[in-house]
């Protein structure tokens, strides 16, 4: 199985949380979608909801990346999230 998320030091990380803020960290859009669905299902089991208006996403790329991604929206299930350049 390929590790999910990113490696920071010796740790493999795909979720970082502080208070009511959660950052989902994945290597590509497909894995991000899977992780979001898992998180949303878990939140729902605890009676929590995702606030679409306050949820944003960001793509971190290597400086030498040739991809030129435009700011847009990410749609997952019934949610539509705004892309931002920084948090």
PDB file of N, CA and C in Angstrom:
ATOM      1  N   UNK A   1       0.843  -1.191   0.000  1.00  0.00           N
ATOM      2  CA  UNK A   1       0.000   0.000   0.000  1.00  0.00           C
ATOM      3  C   UNK A   1       0.881   1.246   0.000  1.00  0.00           C
ATOM      4  N   UNK A   2       0.549   2.184  -0.851  1.00  0.00           N
ATOM      5  CA  UNK A   2       1.295   3.435  -0.940  1.00  0.00           C
ATOM      6  C   UNK A   2       0.852   4.336   0.206  1.00  0.00           C
ATOM      7  N   UNK A   3       1.795   4.935   0.955  1.00  0.00           N
ATOM      8  CA  UNK A   3       1.411   5.827   2.057  1.00  0.00           C
ATOM      9  C   UNK A   3       0.634   7.031   1.545  1.00  0.00           C
ATOM     10  N   UNK A   4      -0.398   7.449   2.304  1.00  0.00           N
ATOM     11  CA  UNK A   4      -1.198   8.612   1.943  1.00  0.00           C
ATOM     12  C   UNK A   4      -0.588   9.854   2.582  1.00  0.00           C
ATOM     13  N   UNK A   5      -0.899  11.016   2.012  1.00  0.00           N
ATOM     14  CA  UNK A   5      -0.457  12.274   2.596  1.00  0.00           C
ATOM     15  C   UNK A   5       0.959  12.640   2.207  1.00  0.00           C
ATOM     16  N   UNK A   6       1.635  13.315   3.119  1.00  0.00           N
ATOM     17  CA  UNK A   6       3.002  13.761   2.876  1.00  0.00           C
ATOM     18  C   UNK A   6       3.891  13.321   4.031  1.00  0.00           C
ATOM     19  N   UNK A   7       5.170  13.248   3.771  1.00  0.00           N
ATOM     20  CA  UNK A   7       6.121  12.872   4.809  1.00  0.00           C
ATOM     21  C   UNK A   7       6.768  14.140   5.360  1.00  0.00           C
ATOM     22  N   UNK A   8       6.673  14.310   6.672  1.00  0.00           N
ATOM     23  CA  UNK A   8       7.317  15.429   7.357  1.00  0.00           C
ATOM     24  C   UNK A   8       8.270  14.807   8.362  1.00  0.00           C
ATOM     25  N   UNK A   9       9.556  14.958   8.109  1.00  0.00           N
ATOM     26  CA  UNK A   9      10.535  14.271   8.939  1.00  0.00           C
ATOM     27  C   UNK A   9      10.367  12.778   8.753  1.00  0.00           C
ATOM     28  N   UNK A  10      10.141  12.067   9.845  1.00  0.00           N
ATOM     29  CA  UNK A  10       9.942  10.621   9.772  1.00  0.00           C
ATOM     30  C   UNK A  10       8.464  10.241   9.804  1.00  0.00           C
ATOM     31  N   UNK A  11       7.581  11.226   9.898  1.00  0.00           N
ATOM     32  CA  UNK A  11       6.149  10.969  10.042  1.00  0.00           C
ATOM     33  C   UNK A  11       5.409  11.118   8.714  1.00  0.00           C
ATOM     34  N   UNK A  12       4.462  10.222   8.470  1.00  0.00           N
ATOM     35  CA  UNK A  12       3.562  10.321   7.320  1.00  0.00           C
ATOM     36  C   UNK A  12       2.280  10.989   7.817  1.00  0.00           C
ATOM     37  N   UNK A  13       1.889  12.105   7.208  1.00  0.00           N
ATOM     38  CA  UNK A  13       0.788  12.924   7.708  1.00  0.00           C
ATOM     39  C   UNK A  13      -0.232  13.174   6.604  1.00  0.00           C
ATOM     40  N   UNK A  14      -1.535  12.978   6.923  1.00  0.00           N
ATOM     41  CA  UNK A  14      -2.553  13.348   5.946  1.00  0.00           C
ATOM     42  C   UNK A  14      -3.673  14.186   6.558  1.00  0.00           C
ATOM     43  N   UNK A  15      -3.662  14.374   7.879  1.00  0.00           N
ATOM     44  CA  UNK A  15      -4.617  15.258   8.544  1.00  0.00           C
ATOM     45  C   UNK A  15      -3.886  16.036   9.629  1.00  0.00           C
ATOM     46  N   UNK A  16      -4.091  17.330   9.643  1.00  0.00           N
ATOM     47  CA  UNK A  16      -3.542  18.183  10.685  1.00  0.00           C
ATOM     48  C   UNK A  16      -4.706  19.001  11.239  1.00  0.00           C
ATOM     49  N   UNK A  17      -4.849  19.025  12.569  1.00  0.00           N
ATOM     50  CA  UNK A  17      -5.994  19.717  13.157  1.00  0.00           C
ATOM     51  C   UNK A  17      -5.553  20.606  14.308  1.00  0.00           C
ATOM     52  N   UNK A  18      -6.252  21.743  14.447  1.00  0.00           N
ATOM     53  CA  UNK A  18      -6.045  22.657  15.561  1.00  0.00           C
ATOM     54  C   UNK A  18      -7.384  23.317  15.844  1.00  0.00           C
ATOM     55  N   UNK A  19      -7.901  23.148  17.053  1.00  0.00           N
ATOM     56  CA  UNK A  19      -9.224  23.667  17.444  1.00  0.00           C
ATOM     57  C   UNK A  19     -10.263  23.160  16.448  1.00  0.00           C
ATOM     58  N   UNK A  20     -10.964  24.053  15.761  1.00  0.00           N
ATOM     59  CA  UNK A  20     -11.973  23.592  14.805  1.00  0.00           C
ATOM     60  C   UNK A  20     -11.496  23.688  13.358  1.00  0.00           C
ATOM     61  N   UNK A  21     -10.191  23.829  13.157  1.00  0.00           N
ATOM     62  CA  UNK A  21      -9.610  23.867  11.815  1.00  0.00           C
ATOM     63  C   UNK A  21      -8.950  22.530  11.512  1.00  0.00           C
ATOM     64  N   UNK A  22      -9.229  22.007  10.334  1.00  0.00           N
ATOM     65  CA  UNK A  22      -8.642  20.742   9.907  1.00  0.00           C
ATOM     66  C   UNK A  22      -8.051  20.926   8.524  1.00  0.00           C
ATOM     67  N   UNK A  23      -6.828  20.473   8.337  1.00  0.00           N
ATOM     68  CA  UNK A  23      -6.182  20.489   7.027  1.00  0.00           C
ATOM     69  C   UNK A  23      -6.041  19.055   6.547  1.00  0.00           C
ATOM     70  N   UNK A  24      -6.583  18.772   5.373  1.00  0.00           N
ATOM     71  CA  UNK A  24      -6.424  17.467   4.746  1.00  0.00           C
ATOM     72  C   UNK A  24      -5.273  17.578   3.760  1.00  0.00           C
ATOM     73  N   UNK A  25      -4.327  16.663   3.836  1.00  0.00           N
ATOM     74  CA  UNK A  25      -3.120  16.754   3.024  1.00  0.00           C
ATOM     75  C   UNK A  25      -2.987  15.479   2.199  1.00  0.00           C
ATOM     76  N   UNK A  26      -3.007  15.624   0.907  1.00  0.00           N
ATOM     77  CA  UNK A  26      -2.860  14.489   0.016  1.00  0.00           C
ATOM     78  C   UNK A  26      -2.000  14.864  -1.175  1.00  0.00           C
ATOM     79  N   UNK A  27      -1.589  13.844  -1.923  1.00  0.00           N
ATOM     80  CA  UNK A  27      -0.686  14.062  -3.048  1.00  0.00           C
ATOM     81  C   UNK A  27      -1.404  14.407  -4.345  1.00  0.00           C
ATOM     82  N   UNK A  28      -2.710  14.107  -4.420  1.00  0.00           N
ATOM     83  CA  UNK A  28      -3.433  14.395  -5.652  1.00  0.00           C
ATOM     84  C   UNK A  28      -4.920  14.577  -5.349  1.00  0.00           C
ATOM     85  N   UNK A  29      -5.662  15.005  -6.358  1.00  0.00           N
ATOM     86  CA  UNK A  29      -7.075  15.311  -6.174  1.00  0.00           C
ATOM     87  C   UNK A  29      -7.896  14.072  -5.831  1.00  0.00           C
ATOM     88  N   UNK A  30      -7.594  12.938  -6.433  1.00  0.00           N
ATOM     89  CA  UNK A  30      -8.350  11.713  -6.159  1.00  0.00           C
ATOM     90  C   UNK A  30      -8.234  11.323  -4.692  1.00  0.00           C
ATOM     91  N   UNK A  31      -7.019  11.344  -4.152  1.00  0.00           N
ATOM     92  CA  UNK A  31      -6.820  10.990  -2.744  1.00  0.00           C
ATOM     93  C   UNK A  31      -7.443  12.029  -1.818  1.00  0.00           C
ATOM     94  N   UNK A  32      -7.421  13.303  -2.232  1.00  0.00           N
ATOM     95  CA  UNK A  32      -8.057  14.356  -1.441  1.00  0.00           C
ATOM     96  C   UNK A  32      -9.555  14.113  -1.356  1.00  0.00           C
ATOM     97  N   UNK A  33     -10.154  13.747  -2.465  1.00  0.00           N
ATOM     98  CA  UNK A  33     -11.587  13.462  -2.485  1.00  0.00           C
ATOM     99  C   UNK A  33     -11.926  12.292  -1.550  1.00  0.00           C
ATOM    100  N   UNK A  34     -11.142  11.220  -1.611  1.00  0.00           N
ATOM    101  CA  UNK A  34     -11.373  10.054  -0.750  1.00  0.00           C
ATOM    102  C   UNK A  34     -11.256  10.435   0.722  1.00  0.00           C
ATOM    103  N   UNK A  35     -10.220  11.193   1.056  1.00  0.00           N
ATOM    104  CA  UNK A  35     -10.004  11.589   2.440  1.00  0.00           C
ATOM    105  C   UNK A  35     -11.130  12.494   2.932  1.00  0.00           C
ATOM    106  N   UNK A  36     -11.579  13.424   2.070  1.00  0.00           N
ATOM    107  CA  UNK A  36     -12.682  14.303   2.455  1.00  0.00           C
ATOM    108  C   UNK A  36     -13.945  13.501   2.743  1.00  0.00           C
ATOM    109  N   UNK A  37     -14.279  12.555   1.875  1.00  0.00           N
ATOM    110  CA  UNK A  37     -15.480  11.738   2.076  1.00  0.00           C
ATOM    111  C   UNK A  37     -15.373  10.970   3.384  1.00  0.00           C
ATOM    112  N   UNK A  38     -14.198  10.398   3.681  1.00  0.00           N
ATOM    113  CA  UNK A  38     -13.988   9.698   4.955  1.00  0.00           C
ATOM    114  C   UNK A  38     -14.207  10.644   6.134  1.00  0.00           C
ATOM    115  N   UNK A  39     -13.629  11.851   6.049  1.00  0.00           N
ATOM    116  CA  UNK A  39     -13.753  12.813   7.131  1.00  0.00           C
ATOM    117  C   UNK A  39     -15.205  13.274   7.295  1.00  0.00           C
ATOM    118  N   UNK A  40     -15.878  13.534   6.188  1.00  0.00           N
ATOM    119  CA  UNK A  40     -17.257  13.986   6.250  1.00  0.00           C
ATOM    120  C   UNK A  40     -18.158  12.911   6.861  1.00  0.00           C
ATOM    121  N   UNK A  41     -17.950  11.661   6.514  1.00  0.00           N
ATOM    122  CA  UNK A  41     -18.728  10.563   7.094  1.00  0.00           C
ATOM    123  C   UNK A  41     -18.479  10.451   8.597  1.00  0.00           C
ATOM    124  N   UNK A  42     -17.224  10.576   9.014  1.00  0.00           N
ATOM    125  CA  UNK A  42     -16.893  10.524  10.440  1.00  0.00           C
ATOM    126  C   UNK A  42     -17.532  11.693  11.179  1.00  0.00           C
ATOM    127  N   UNK A  43     -17.442  12.895  10.605  1.00  0.00           N
ATOM    128  CA  UNK A  43     -18.042  14.075  11.233  1.00  0.00           C
ATOM    129  C   UNK A  43     -19.549  13.881  11.398  1.00  0.00           C
ATOM    130  N   UNK A  44     -20.188  13.376  10.359  1.00  0.00           N
ATOM    131  CA  UNK A  44     -21.634  13.164  10.412  1.00  0.00           C
ATOM    132  C   UNK A  44     -22.001  12.182  11.526  1.00  0.00           C
ATOM    133  N   UNK A  45     -21.170  11.150  11.747  1.00  0.00           N
ATOM    134  CA  UNK A  45     -21.422  10.184  12.825  1.00  0.00           C
ATOM    135  C   UNK A  45     -21.414  10.841  14.205  1.00  0.00           C
ATOM    136  N   UNK A  46     -20.713  11.978  14.322  1.00  0.00           N
ATOM    137  CA  UNK A  46     -20.656  12.720  15.585  1.00  0.00           C
ATOM    138  C   UNK A  46     -21.628  13.894  15.608  1.00  0.00           C
ATOM    139  N   UNK A  47     -22.480  13.989  14.592  1.00  0.00           N
ATOM    140  CA  UNK A  47     -23.456  15.072  14.531  1.00  0.00           C
ATOM    141  C   UNK A  47     -22.875  16.387  14.044  1.00  0.00           C
ATOM    142  N   UNK A  48     -21.717  16.345  13.401  1.00  0.00           N
ATOM    143  CA  UNK A  48     -21.066  17.559  12.906  1.00  0.00           C
ATOM    144  C   UNK A  48     -21.307  17.712  11.409  1.00  0.00           C
ATOM    145  N   UNK A  49     -21.209  18.950  10.932  1.00  0.00           N
ATOM    146  CA  UNK A  49     -21.393  19.240   9.519  1.00  0.00           C
ATOM    147  C   UNK A  49     -20.219  20.042   8.985  1.00  0.00           C
ATOM    148  N   UNK A  50     -19.954  19.894   7.708  1.00  0.00           N
ATOM    149  CA  UNK A  50     -18.914  20.675   7.038  1.00  0.00           C
ATOM    150  C   UNK A  50     -19.531  22.015   6.635  1.00  0.00           C
ATOM    151  N   UNK A  51     -18.862  23.114   6.969  1.00  0.00           N
ATOM    152  CA  UNK A  51     -19.326  24.439   6.587  1.00  0.00           C
ATOM    153  C   UNK A  51     -18.700  24.786   5.233  1.00  0.00           C
ATOM    154  N   UNK A  52     -19.493  24.652   4.188  1.00  0.00           N
ATOM    155  CA  UNK A  52     -19.001  24.886   2.835  1.00  0.00           C
ATOM    156  C   UNK A  52     -18.476  26.307   2.640  1.00  0.00           C
ATOM    157  N   UNK A  53     -19.101  27.286   3.270  1.00  0.00           N
ATOM    158  CA  UNK A  53     -18.696  28.681   3.105  1.00  0.00           C
ATOM    159  C   UNK A  53     -17.318  28.962   3.704  1.00  0.00           C
ATOM    160  N   UNK A  54     -16.942  28.228   4.742  1.00  0.00           N
ATOM    161  CA  UNK A  54     -15.658  28.466   5.398  1.00  0.00           C
ATOM    162  C   UNK A  54     -14.580  27.473   4.981  1.00  0.00           C
ATOM    163  N   UNK A  55     -14.927  26.532   4.116  1.00  0.00           N
ATOM    164  CA  UNK A  55     -13.977  25.512   3.680  1.00  0.00           C
ATOM    165  C   UNK A  55     -13.339  25.941   2.370  1.00  0.00           C
ATOM    166  N   UNK A  56     -12.025  25.949   2.338  1.00  0.00           N
ATOM    167  CA  UNK A  56     -11.264  26.331   1.151  1.00  0.00           C
ATOM    168  C   UNK A  56     -10.265  25.221   0.835  1.00  0.00           C
ATOM    169  N   UNK A  57      -9.705  25.270  -0.364  1.00  0.00           N
ATOM    170  CA  UNK A  57      -8.642  24.325  -0.676  1.00  0.00           C
ATOM    171  C   UNK A  57      -7.489  25.056  -1.357  1.00  0.00           C
ATOM    172  N   UNK A  58      -6.334  24.447  -1.262  1.00  0.00           N
ATOM    173  CA  UNK A  58      -5.119  25.039  -1.806  1.00  0.00           C
ATOM    174  C   UNK A  58      -4.289  23.926  -2.438  1.00  0.00           C
ATOM    175  N   UNK A  59      -3.633  24.224  -3.542  1.00  0.00           N
ATOM    176  CA  UNK A  59      -2.723  23.283  -4.174  1.00  0.00           C
ATOM    177  C   UNK A  59      -1.308  23.799  -3.973  1.00  0.00           C
ATOM    178  N   UNK A  60      -0.496  22.986  -3.357  1.00  0.00           N
ATOM    179  CA  UNK A  60       0.915  23.335  -3.150  1.00  0.00           C
ATOM    180  C   UNK A  60       1.736  22.588  -4.195  1.00  0.00           C
ATOM    181  N   UNK A  61       2.480  23.333  -4.981  1.00  0.00           N
ATOM    182  CA  UNK A  61       3.277  22.729  -6.043  1.00  0.00           C
ATOM    183  C   UNK A  61       4.740  23.094  -5.878  1.00  0.00           C
ATOM    184  N   UNK A  62       5.575  22.283  -6.464  1.00  0.00           N
ATOM    185  CA  UNK A  62       7.000  22.606  -6.490  1.00  0.00           C
ATOM    186  C   UNK A  62       7.199  23.859  -7.335  1.00  0.00           C
ATOM    187  N   UNK A  63       8.184  24.644  -6.984  1.00  0.00           N
ATOM    188  CA  UNK A  63       8.412  25.907  -7.705  1.00  0.00           C
ATOM    189  C   UNK A  63       8.690  25.680  -9.186  1.00  0.00           C
ATOM    190  N   UNK A  64       9.302  24.542  -9.525  1.00  0.00           N
ATOM    191  CA  UNK A  64       9.638  24.310 -10.923  1.00  0.00           C
ATOM    192  C   UNK A  64       8.535  23.566 -11.672  1.00  0.00           C
ATOM    193  N   UNK A  65       7.351  23.451 -11.070  1.00  0.00           N
ATOM    194  CA  UNK A  65       6.242  22.766 -11.727  1.00  0.00           C
ATOM    195  C   UNK A  65       5.822  23.534 -12.972  1.00  0.00           C
ATOM    196  N   UNK A  66       5.573  22.801 -14.044  1.00  0.00           N
ATOM    197  CA  UNK A  66       5.169  23.442 -15.290  1.00  0.00           C
ATOM    198  C   UNK A  66       3.656  23.622 -15.381  1.00  0.00           C
ATOM    199  N   UNK A  67       2.915  23.020 -14.463  1.00  0.00           N
ATOM    200  CA  UNK A  67       1.464  23.145 -14.495  1.00  0.00           C
ATOM    201  C   UNK A  67       1.052  24.553 -14.100  1.00  0.00           C
ATOM    202  N   UNK A  68       0.131  25.097 -14.836  1.00  0.00           N
ATOM    203  CA  UNK A  68      -0.413  26.417 -14.533  1.00  0.00           C
ATOM    204  C   UNK A  68      -1.880  26.240 -14.166  1.00  0.00           C
ATOM    205  N   UNK A  69      -2.148  25.992 -12.897  1.00  0.00           N
ATOM    206  CA  UNK A  69      -3.521  25.796 -12.449  1.00  0.00           C
ATOM    207  C   UNK A  69      -4.188  27.128 -12.186  1.00  0.00           C
ATOM    208  N   UNK A  70      -5.384  27.287 -12.705  1.00  0.00           N
ATOM    209  CA  UNK A  70      -6.152  28.501 -12.472  1.00  0.00           C
ATOM    210  C   UNK A  70      -6.975  28.319 -11.209  1.00  0.00           C
ATOM    211  N   UNK A  71      -7.266  29.432 -10.548  1.00  0.00           N
ATOM    212  CA  UNK A  71      -8.130  29.363  -9.375  1.00  0.00           C
ATOM    213  C   UNK A  71      -9.521  28.940  -9.845  1.00  0.00           C
ATOM    214  N   UNK A  72     -10.080  28.003  -9.143  1.00  0.00           N
ATOM    215  CA  UNK A  72     -11.400  27.499  -9.482  1.00  0.00           C
ATOM    216  C   UNK A  72     -12.044  26.873  -8.269  1.00  0.00           C
ATOM    217  N   UNK A  73     -12.960  25.988  -8.503  1.00  0.00           N
ATOM    218  CA  UNK A  73     -13.666  25.327  -7.424  1.00  0.00           C
ATOM    219  C   UNK A  73     -13.442  23.819  -7.495  1.00  0.00           C
ATOM    220  N   UNK A  74     -13.486  23.192  -6.345  1.00  0.00           N
ATOM    221  CA  UNK A  74     -13.383  21.743  -6.232  1.00  0.00           C
ATOM    222  C   UNK A  74     -14.746  21.246  -5.779  1.00  0.00           C
ATOM    223  N   UNK A  75     -15.339  20.353  -6.549  1.00  0.00           N
ATOM    224  CA  UNK A  75     -16.645  19.816  -6.208  1.00  0.00           C
ATOM    225  C   UNK A  75     -16.484  18.397  -5.690  1.00  0.00           C
ATOM    226  N   UNK A  76     -17.011  18.168  -4.488  1.00  0.00           N
ATOM    227  CA  UNK A  76     -17.010  16.841  -3.879  1.00  0.00           C
ATOM    228  C   UNK A  76     -18.405  16.619  -3.310  1.00  0.00           C
ATOM    229  N   UNK A  77     -19.051  15.559  -3.765  1.00  0.00           N
ATOM    230  CA  UNK A  77     -20.426  15.268  -3.359  1.00  0.00           C
ATOM    231  C   UNK A  77     -21.293  16.493  -3.626  1.00  0.00           C
ATOM    232  N   UNK A  78     -21.998  17.002  -2.619  1.00  0.00           N
ATOM    233  CA  UNK A  78     -22.854  18.181  -2.800  1.00  0.00           C
ATOM    234  C   UNK A  78     -22.155  19.476  -2.408  1.00  0.00           C
ATOM    235  N   UNK A  79     -20.855  19.412  -2.199  1.00  0.00           N
ATOM    236  CA  UNK A  79     -20.085  20.580  -1.759  1.00  0.00           C
ATOM    237  C   UNK A  79     -19.335  21.192  -2.940  1.00  0.00           C
ATOM    238  N   UNK A  80     -19.101  22.506  -2.843  1.00  0.00           N
ATOM    239  CA  UNK A  80     -18.296  23.229  -3.822  1.00  0.00           C
ATOM    240  C   UNK A  80     -17.354  24.128  -3.035  1.00  0.00           C
ATOM    241  N   UNK A  81     -16.044  23.871  -3.149  1.00  0.00           N
ATOM    242  CA  UNK A  81     -15.053  24.591  -2.356  1.00  0.00           C
ATOM    243  C   UNK A  81     -14.235  25.532  -3.234  1.00  0.00           C
ATOM    244  N   UNK A  82     -13.993  26.727  -2.717  1.00  0.00           N
ATOM    245  CA  UNK A  82     -13.205  27.744  -3.402  1.00  0.00           C
ATOM    246  C   UNK A  82     -11.715  27.445  -3.246  1.00  0.00           C
ATOM    247  N   UNK A  83     -10.959  27.633  -4.334  1.00  0.00           N
ATOM    248  CA  UNK A  83      -9.504  27.498  -4.272  1.00  0.00           C
ATOM    249  C   UNK A  83      -8.895  28.824  -3.857  1.00  0.00           C
ATOM    250  N   UNK A  84      -7.912  28.759  -2.959  1.00  0.00           N
ATOM    251  CA  UNK A  84      -7.182  29.951  -2.526  1.00  0.00           C
ATOM    252  C   UNK A  84      -5.695  29.721  -2.758  1.00  0.00           C
ATOM    253  N   UNK A  85      -4.939  30.791  -2.790  1.00  0.00           N
ATOM    254  CA  UNK A  85      -3.492  30.699  -2.993  1.00  0.00           C
ATOM    255  C   UNK A  85      -2.722  30.560  -1.698  1.00  0.00           C
ATOM    256  N   UNK A  86      -3.340  30.947  -0.557  1.00  0.00           N
ATOM    257  CA  UNK A  86      -2.695  30.791   0.754  1.00  0.00           C
ATOM    258  C   UNK A  86      -3.758  30.809   1.846  1.00  0.00           C
ATOM    259  N   UNK A  87      -3.351  30.361   3.032  1.00  0.00           N
ATOM    260  CA  UNK A  87      -4.247  30.352   4.189  1.00  0.00           C
ATOM    261  C   UNK A  87      -3.759  31.348   5.206  1.00  0.00           C
TER     262      UNK A  87
END
